[in-house]
PDB file of all heavy atoms in Angstrom:
ATOM      1  N   ALA A   1       0.825  -1.213   0.000  1.00  0.00           N
ATOM      2  CA  ALA A   1       0.000   0.000   0.000  1.00  0.00           C
ATOM      3  C   ALA A   1       0.859   1.264   0.000  1.00  0.00           C
ATOM      4  O   ALA A   1       0.374   2.339  -0.337  1.00  0.00           O
ATOM      5  CB  ALA A   1      -0.949  -0.007   1.189  1.00  0.00           C
ATOM      6  N   LYS A   2       2.138   1.135   0.343  1.00  0.00           N
ATOM      7  CA  LYS A   2       3.042   2.290   0.325  1.00  0.00           C
ATOM      8  C   LYS A   2       3.374   2.714  -1.098  1.00  0.00           C
ATOM      9  O   LYS A   2       3.613   3.885  -1.350  1.00  0.00           O
ATOM     10  CB  LYS A   2       4.330   1.964   1.083  1.00  0.00           C
ATOM     11  CG  LYS A   2       4.116   1.756   2.555  1.00  0.00           C
ATOM     12  CD  LYS A   2       5.403   1.329   3.228  1.00  0.00           C
ATOM     13  CE  LYS A   2       5.128   0.947   4.679  1.00  0.00           C
ATOM     14  NZ  LYS A   2       6.295   0.282   5.273  1.00  0.00           N
ATOM     15  N   THR A   3       3.420   1.763  -2.015  1.00  0.00           N
ATOM     16  CA  THR A   3       3.747   2.097  -3.402  1.00  0.00           C
ATOM     17  C   THR A   3       2.525   2.085  -4.314  1.00  0.00           C
ATOM     18  O   THR A   3       2.501   2.812  -5.300  1.00  0.00           O
ATOM     19  CB  THR A   3       4.812   1.144  -3.982  1.00  0.00           C
ATOM     20  OG1 THR A   3       4.351  -0.194  -3.878  1.00  0.00           O
ATOM     21  CG2 THR A   3       6.135   1.299  -3.263  1.00  0.00           C
ATOM     22  N   PHE A   4       1.534   1.280  -3.992  1.00  0.00           N
ATOM     23  CA  PHE A   4       0.288   1.301  -4.759  1.00  0.00           C
ATOM     24  C   PHE A   4      -0.739   2.045  -3.913  1.00  0.00           C
ATOM     25  O   PHE A   4      -1.429   1.486  -3.084  1.00  0.00           O
ATOM     26  CB  PHE A   4      -0.202  -0.121  -5.073  1.00  0.00           C
ATOM     27  CG  PHE A   4      -1.447  -0.126  -5.931  1.00  0.00           C
ATOM     28  CD1 PHE A   4      -1.399   0.275  -7.252  1.00  0.00           C
ATOM     29  CD2 PHE A   4      -2.661  -0.509  -5.403  1.00  0.00           C
ATOM     30  CE1 PHE A   4      -2.542   0.285  -8.045  1.00  0.00           C
ATOM     31  CE2 PHE A   4      -3.812  -0.500  -6.182  1.00  0.00           C
ATOM     32  CZ  PHE A   4      -3.750  -0.102  -7.503  1.00  0.00           C
ATOM     33  N   ARG A   5      -0.797   3.367  -4.130  1.00  0.00           N
ATOM     34  CA  ARG A   5      -1.599   4.252  -3.273  1.00  0.00           C
ATOM     35  C   ARG A   5      -2.971   4.574  -3.834  1.00  0.00           C
ATOM     36  O   ARG A   5      -3.688   5.394  -3.292  1.00  0.00           O
ATOM     37  CB  ARG A   5      -0.810   5.540  -3.035  1.00  0.00           C
ATOM     38  CG  ARG A   5       0.488   5.303  -2.284  1.00  0.00           C
ATOM     39  CD  ARG A   5       1.277   6.589  -2.085  1.00  0.00           C
ATOM     40  NE  ARG A   5       1.802   7.134  -3.329  1.00  0.00           N
ATOM     41  CZ  ARG A   5       2.948   6.767  -3.892  1.00  0.00           C
ATOM     42  NH1 ARG A   5       3.690   5.843  -3.345  1.00  0.00           N
ATOM     43  NH2 ARG A   5       3.351   7.319  -5.014  1.00  0.00           N
ATOM     44  N   TYR A   6      -3.349   3.942  -4.914  1.00  0.00           N
ATOM     45  CA  TYR A   6      -4.605   4.275  -5.600  1.00  0.00           C
ATOM     46  C   TYR A   6      -5.797   4.269  -4.650  1.00  0.00           C
ATOM     47  O   TYR A   6      -6.619   5.176  -4.672  1.00  0.00           O
ATOM     48  CB  TYR A   6      -4.825   3.301  -6.761  1.00  0.00           C
ATOM     49  CG  TYR A   6      -6.017   3.625  -7.620  1.00  0.00           C
ATOM     50  CD1 TYR A   6      -5.963   4.657  -8.550  1.00  0.00           C
ATOM     51  CD2 TYR A   6      -7.206   2.916  -7.501  1.00  0.00           C
ATOM     52  CE1 TYR A   6      -7.049   4.969  -9.344  1.00  0.00           C
ATOM     53  CE2 TYR A   6      -8.297   3.211  -8.299  1.00  0.00           C
ATOM     54  CZ  TYR A   6      -8.215   4.241  -9.213  1.00  0.00           C
ATOM     55  OH  TYR A   6      -9.297   4.544  -9.994  1.00  0.00           O
ATOM     56  N   PHE A   7      -5.902   3.253  -3.816  1.00  0.00           N
ATOM     57  CA  PHE A   7      -7.057   3.158  -2.929  1.00  0.00           C
ATOM     58  C   PHE A   7      -6.847   3.875  -1.595  1.00  0.00           C
ATOM     59  O   PHE A   7      -7.726   3.850  -0.748  1.00  0.00           O
ATOM     60  CB  PHE A   7      -7.449   1.693  -2.705  1.00  0.00           C
ATOM     61  CG  PHE A   7      -8.062   1.080  -3.935  1.00  0.00           C
ATOM     62  CD1 PHE A   7      -7.371   0.144  -4.678  1.00  0.00           C
ATOM     63  CD2 PHE A   7      -9.328   1.456  -4.367  1.00  0.00           C
ATOM     64  CE1 PHE A   7      -7.925  -0.415  -5.816  1.00  0.00           C
ATOM     65  CE2 PHE A   7      -9.892   0.924  -5.507  1.00  0.00           C
ATOM     66  CZ  PHE A   7      -9.186  -0.018  -6.235  1.00  0.00           C
ATOM     67  N   ASN A   8      -5.714   4.548  -1.420  1.00  0.00           N
ATOM     68  CA  ASN A   8      -5.519   5.343  -0.209  1.00  0.00           C
ATOM     69  C   ASN A   8      -6.446   6.545  -0.190  1.00  0.00           C
ATOM     70  O   ASN A   8      -6.817   7.028   0.872  1.00  0.00           O
ATOM     71  CB  ASN A   8      -4.068   5.820  -0.094  1.00  0.00           C
ATOM     72  CG  ASN A   8      -3.107   4.687   0.205  1.00  0.00           C
ATOM     73  OD1 ASN A   8      -3.508   3.550   0.393  1.00  0.00           O
ATOM     74  ND2 ASN A   8      -1.829   5.001   0.232  1.00  0.00           N
ATOM     75  N   THR A   9      -6.799   7.051  -1.364  1.00  0.00           N
ATOM     76  CA  THR A   9      -7.634   8.251  -1.458  1.00  0.00           C
ATOM     77  C   THR A   9      -8.956   7.992  -2.181  1.00  0.00           C
ATOM     78  O   THR A   9      -9.680   8.938  -2.472  1.00  0.00           O
ATOM     79  CB  THR A   9      -6.876   9.375  -2.203  1.00  0.00           C
ATOM     80  OG1 THR A   9      -6.500   8.894  -3.499  1.00  0.00           O
ATOM     81  CG2 THR A   9      -5.632   9.795  -1.425  1.00  0.00           C
ATOM     82  N   ARG A  10      -9.245   6.743  -2.471  1.00  0.00           N
ATOM     83  CA  ARG A  10     -10.470   6.403  -3.202  1.00  0.00           C
ATOM     84  C   ARG A  10     -11.155   5.223  -2.528  1.00  0.00           C
ATOM     85  O   ARG A  10     -10.506   4.320  -2.037  1.00  0.00           O
ATOM     86  CB  ARG A  10     -10.147   6.020  -4.647  1.00  0.00           C
ATOM     87  CG  ARG A  10      -9.541   7.113  -5.479  1.00  0.00           C
ATOM     88  CD  ARG A  10      -9.006   6.533  -6.790  1.00  0.00           C
ATOM     89  NE  ARG A  10      -8.360   7.524  -7.611  1.00  0.00           N
ATOM     90  CZ  ARG A  10      -7.084   7.869  -7.519  1.00  0.00           C
ATOM     91  NH1 ARG A  10      -6.308   7.284  -6.637  1.00  0.00           N
ATOM     92  NH2 ARG A  10      -6.571   8.775  -8.320  1.00  0.00           N
ATOM     93  N   GLU A  11     -12.446   5.231  -2.598  1.00  0.00           N
ATOM     94  CA  GLU A  11     -13.233   4.089  -2.143  1.00  0.00           C
ATOM     95  C   GLU A  11     -13.208   3.012  -3.225  1.00  0.00           C
ATOM     96  O   GLU A  11     -13.092   3.328  -4.413  1.00  0.00           O
ATOM     97  CB  GLU A  11     -14.686   4.511  -1.877  1.00  0.00           C
ATOM     98  CG  GLU A  11     -14.846   5.453  -0.697  1.00  0.00           C
ATOM     99  CD  GLU A  11     -14.449   4.800   0.613  1.00  0.00           C
ATOM    100  OE1 GLU A  11     -14.774   3.616   0.812  1.00  0.00           O
ATOM    101  OE2 GLU A  11     -13.800   5.479   1.433  1.00  0.00           O
ATOM    102  N   PRO A  12     -13.334   1.757  -2.841  1.00  0.00           N
ATOM    103  CA  PRO A  12     -13.375   0.696  -3.852  1.00  0.00           C
ATOM    104  C   PRO A  12     -14.462   0.893  -4.916  1.00  0.00           C
ATOM    105  O   PRO A  12     -14.305   0.448  -6.048  1.00  0.00           O
ATOM    106  CB  PRO A  12     -13.621  -0.568  -3.027  1.00  0.00           C
ATOM    107  CG  PRO A  12     -13.033  -0.247  -1.689  1.00  0.00           C
ATOM    108  CD  PRO A  12     -13.310   1.222  -1.486  1.00  0.00           C
ATOM    109  N   SER A  13     -15.527   1.601  -4.569  1.00  0.00           N
ATOM    110  CA  SER A  13     -16.612   1.829  -5.528  1.00  0.00           C
ATOM    111  C   SER A  13     -16.168   2.669  -6.727  1.00  0.00           C
ATOM    112  O   SER A  13     -16.905   2.771  -7.716  1.00  0.00           O
ATOM    113  CB  SER A  13     -17.807   2.493  -4.841  1.00  0.00           C
ATOM    114  OG  SER A  13     -17.419   3.744  -4.293  1.00  0.00           O
ATOM    115  N   VAL A  14     -14.953   3.233  -6.689  1.00  0.00           N
ATOM    116  CA  VAL A  14     -14.439   3.999  -7.822  1.00  0.00           C
ATOM    117  C   VAL A  14     -14.382   3.136  -9.079  1.00  0.00           C
ATOM    118  O   VAL A  14     -14.384   3.658 -10.198  1.00  0.00           O
ATOM    119  CB  VAL A  14     -13.048   4.604  -7.505  1.00  0.00           C
ATOM    120  CG1 VAL A  14     -11.969   3.529  -7.468  1.00  0.00           C
ATOM    121  CG2 VAL A  14     -12.686   5.684  -8.516  1.00  0.00           C
ATOM    122  N   ILE A  15     -14.385   1.830  -8.916  1.00  0.00           N
ATOM    123  CA  ILE A  15     -14.307   0.963 -10.102  1.00  0.00           C
ATOM    124  C   ILE A  15     -15.495   1.160 -11.038  1.00  0.00           C
ATOM    125  O   ILE A  15     -15.410   0.801 -12.198  1.00  0.00           O
ATOM    126  CB  ILE A  15     -14.127  -0.524  -9.736  1.00  0.00           C
ATOM    127  CG1 ILE A  15     -15.370  -1.102  -9.097  1.00  0.00           C
ATOM    128  CG2 ILE A  15     -12.885  -0.729  -8.878  1.00  0.00           C
ATOM    129  CD1 ILE A  15     -15.344  -2.621  -8.974  1.00  0.00           C
ATOM    130  N   SER A  16     -16.571   1.763 -10.526  1.00  0.00           N
ATOM    131  CA  SER A  16     -17.705   2.032 -11.413  1.00  0.00           C
ATOM    132  C   SER A  16     -17.328   3.040 -12.499  1.00  0.00           C
ATOM    133  O   SER A  16     -17.993   3.124 -13.523  1.00  0.00           O
ATOM    134  CB  SER A  16     -18.908   2.537 -10.619  1.00  0.00           C
ATOM    135  OG  SER A  16     -18.619   3.787 -10.015  1.00  0.00           O
ATOM    136  N   ASN A  17     -16.239   3.789 -12.301  1.00  0.00           N
ATOM    137  CA  ASN A  17     -15.757   4.756 -13.294  1.00  0.00           C
ATOM    138  C   ASN A  17     -14.695   4.175 -14.222  1.00  0.00           C
ATOM    139  O   ASN A  17     -14.262   4.846 -15.145  1.00  0.00           O
ATOM    140  CB  ASN A  17     -15.168   5.985 -12.599  1.00  0.00           C
ATOM    141  CG  ASN A  17     -16.191   6.721 -11.776  1.00  0.00           C
ATOM    142  OD1 ASN A  17     -17.362   6.758 -12.117  1.00  0.00           O
ATOM    143  ND2 ASN A  17     -15.753   7.272 -10.667  1.00  0.00           N
ATOM    144  N   HIS A  18     -14.242   2.971 -13.950  1.00  0.00           N
ATOM    145  CA  HIS A  18     -13.187   2.362 -14.767  1.00  0.00           C
ATOM    146  C   HIS A  18     -13.731   1.844 -16.088  1.00  0.00           C
ATOM    147  O   HIS A  18     -14.882   1.423 -16.178  1.00  0.00           O
ATOM    148  CB  HIS A  18     -12.555   1.176 -14.027  1.00  0.00           C
ATOM    149  CG  HIS A  18     -11.749   1.563 -12.837  1.00  0.00           C
ATOM    150  ND1 HIS A  18     -11.203   0.631 -11.998  1.00  0.00           N
ATOM    151  CD2 HIS A  18     -11.392   2.774 -12.335  1.00  0.00           C
ATOM    152  CE1 HIS A  18     -10.545   1.237 -11.047  1.00  0.00           C
ATOM    153  NE2 HIS A  18     -10.645   2.541 -11.222  1.00  0.00           N
ATOM    154  N   LEU A  19     -12.864   1.837 -17.087  1.00  0.00           N
ATOM    155  CA  LEU A  19     -13.199   1.169 -18.340  1.00  0.00           C
ATOM    156  C   LEU A  19     -13.196  -0.338 -18.123  1.00  0.00           C
ATOM    157  O   LEU A  19     -14.019  -1.056 -18.667  1.00  0.00           O
ATOM    158  CB  LEU A  19     -12.180   1.541 -19.423  1.00  0.00           C
ATOM    159  CG  LEU A  19     -12.136   3.014 -19.817  1.00  0.00           C
ATOM    160  CD1 LEU A  19     -10.945   3.281 -20.719  1.00  0.00           C
ATOM    161  CD2 LEU A  19     -13.431   3.414 -20.489  1.00  0.00           C
ATOM    162  N   VAL A  20     -12.237  -0.792 -17.322  1.00  0.00           N
ATOM    163  CA  VAL A  20     -12.134  -2.203 -16.980  1.00  0.00           C
ATOM    164  C   VAL A  20     -11.385  -2.320 -15.649  1.00  0.00           C
ATOM    165  O   VAL A  20     -10.468  -1.550 -15.383  1.00  0.00           O
ATOM    166  CB  VAL A  20     -11.431  -3.018 -18.092  1.00  0.00           C
ATOM    167  CG1 VAL A  20      -9.998  -2.604 -18.262  1.00  0.00           C
ATOM    168  CG2 VAL A  20     -11.509  -4.493 -17.829  1.00  0.00           C
ATOM    169  N   THR A  21     -11.819  -3.266 -14.833  1.00  0.00           N
ATOM    170  CA  THR A  21     -11.150  -3.586 -13.568  1.00  0.00           C
ATOM    171  C   THR A  21     -10.964  -5.095 -13.541  1.00  0.00           C
ATOM    172  O   THR A  21     -11.927  -5.843 -13.707  1.00  0.00           O
ATOM    173  CB  THR A  21     -11.981  -3.150 -12.350  1.00  0.00           C
ATOM    174  OG1 THR A  21     -12.324  -1.772 -12.474  1.00  0.00           O
ATOM    175  CG2 THR A  21     -11.211  -3.375 -11.057  1.00  0.00           C
ATOM    176  N   LEU A  22      -9.718  -5.524 -13.353  1.00  0.00           N
ATOM    177  CA  LEU A  22      -9.399  -6.950 -13.366  1.00  0.00           C
ATOM    178  C   LEU A  22      -8.816  -7.390 -12.028  1.00  0.00           C
ATOM    179  O   LEU A  22      -8.100  -6.625 -11.381  1.00  0.00           O
ATOM    180  CB  LEU A  22      -8.373  -7.262 -14.454  1.00  0.00           C
ATOM    181  CG  LEU A  22      -8.722  -6.890 -15.888  1.00  0.00           C
ATOM    182  CD1 LEU A  22      -7.545  -7.209 -16.815  1.00  0.00           C
ATOM    183  CD2 LEU A  22      -9.975  -7.598 -16.355  1.00  0.00           C
ATOM    184  N   LEU A  23      -9.116  -8.607 -11.654  1.00  0.00           N
ATOM    185  CA  LEU A  23      -8.465  -9.265 -10.530  1.00  0.00           C
ATOM    186  C   LEU A  23      -7.933 -10.599 -11.013  1.00  0.00           C
ATOM    187  O   LEU A  23      -8.599 -11.291 -11.778  1.00  0.00           O
ATOM    188  CB  LEU A  23      -9.445  -9.517  -9.381  1.00  0.00           C
ATOM    189  CG  LEU A  23      -9.802  -8.355  -8.471  1.00  0.00           C
ATOM    190  CD1 LEU A  23     -10.845  -8.781  -7.451  1.00  0.00           C
ATOM    191  CD2 LEU A  23      -8.580  -7.790  -7.766  1.00  0.00           C
ATOM    192  N   MET A  24      -6.738 -10.948 -10.560  1.00  0.00           N
ATOM    193  CA  MET A  24      -6.227 -12.282 -10.792  1.00  0.00           C
ATOM    194  C   MET A  24      -6.451 -13.059  -9.502  1.00  0.00           C
ATOM    195  O   MET A  24      -6.137 -12.586  -8.417  1.00  0.00           O
ATOM    196  CB  MET A  24      -4.743 -12.279 -11.139  1.00  0.00           C
ATOM    197  CG  MET A  24      -4.221 -13.696 -11.413  1.00  0.00           C
ATOM    198  SD  MET A  24      -2.465 -13.729 -11.806  1.00  0.00           S
ATOM    199  CE  MET A  24      -2.461 -12.972 -13.435  1.00  0.00           C
ATOM    200  N   LEU A  25      -7.014 -14.237  -9.663  1.00  0.00           N
ATOM    201  CA  LEU A  25      -7.308 -15.101  -8.530  1.00  0.00           C
ATOM    202  C   LEU A  25      -6.496 -16.384  -8.636  1.00  0.00           C
ATOM    203  O   LEU A  25      -6.310 -16.913  -9.730  1.00  0.00           O
ATOM    204  CB  LEU A  25      -8.793 -15.466  -8.500  1.00  0.00           C
ATOM    205  CG  LEU A  25      -9.814 -14.325  -8.575  1.00  0.00           C
ATOM    206  CD1 LEU A  25     -11.216 -14.897  -8.694  1.00  0.00           C
ATOM    207  CD2 LEU A  25      -9.700 -13.405  -7.388  1.00  0.00           C
TER     208      LEU A  25
END
């Protein structure tokens, strides 16, 4: 989280604004 700070200032619901959101499982 120190280097990937995207969600430090955004709620997870921000993905509704993404063109695409991927997770690898």
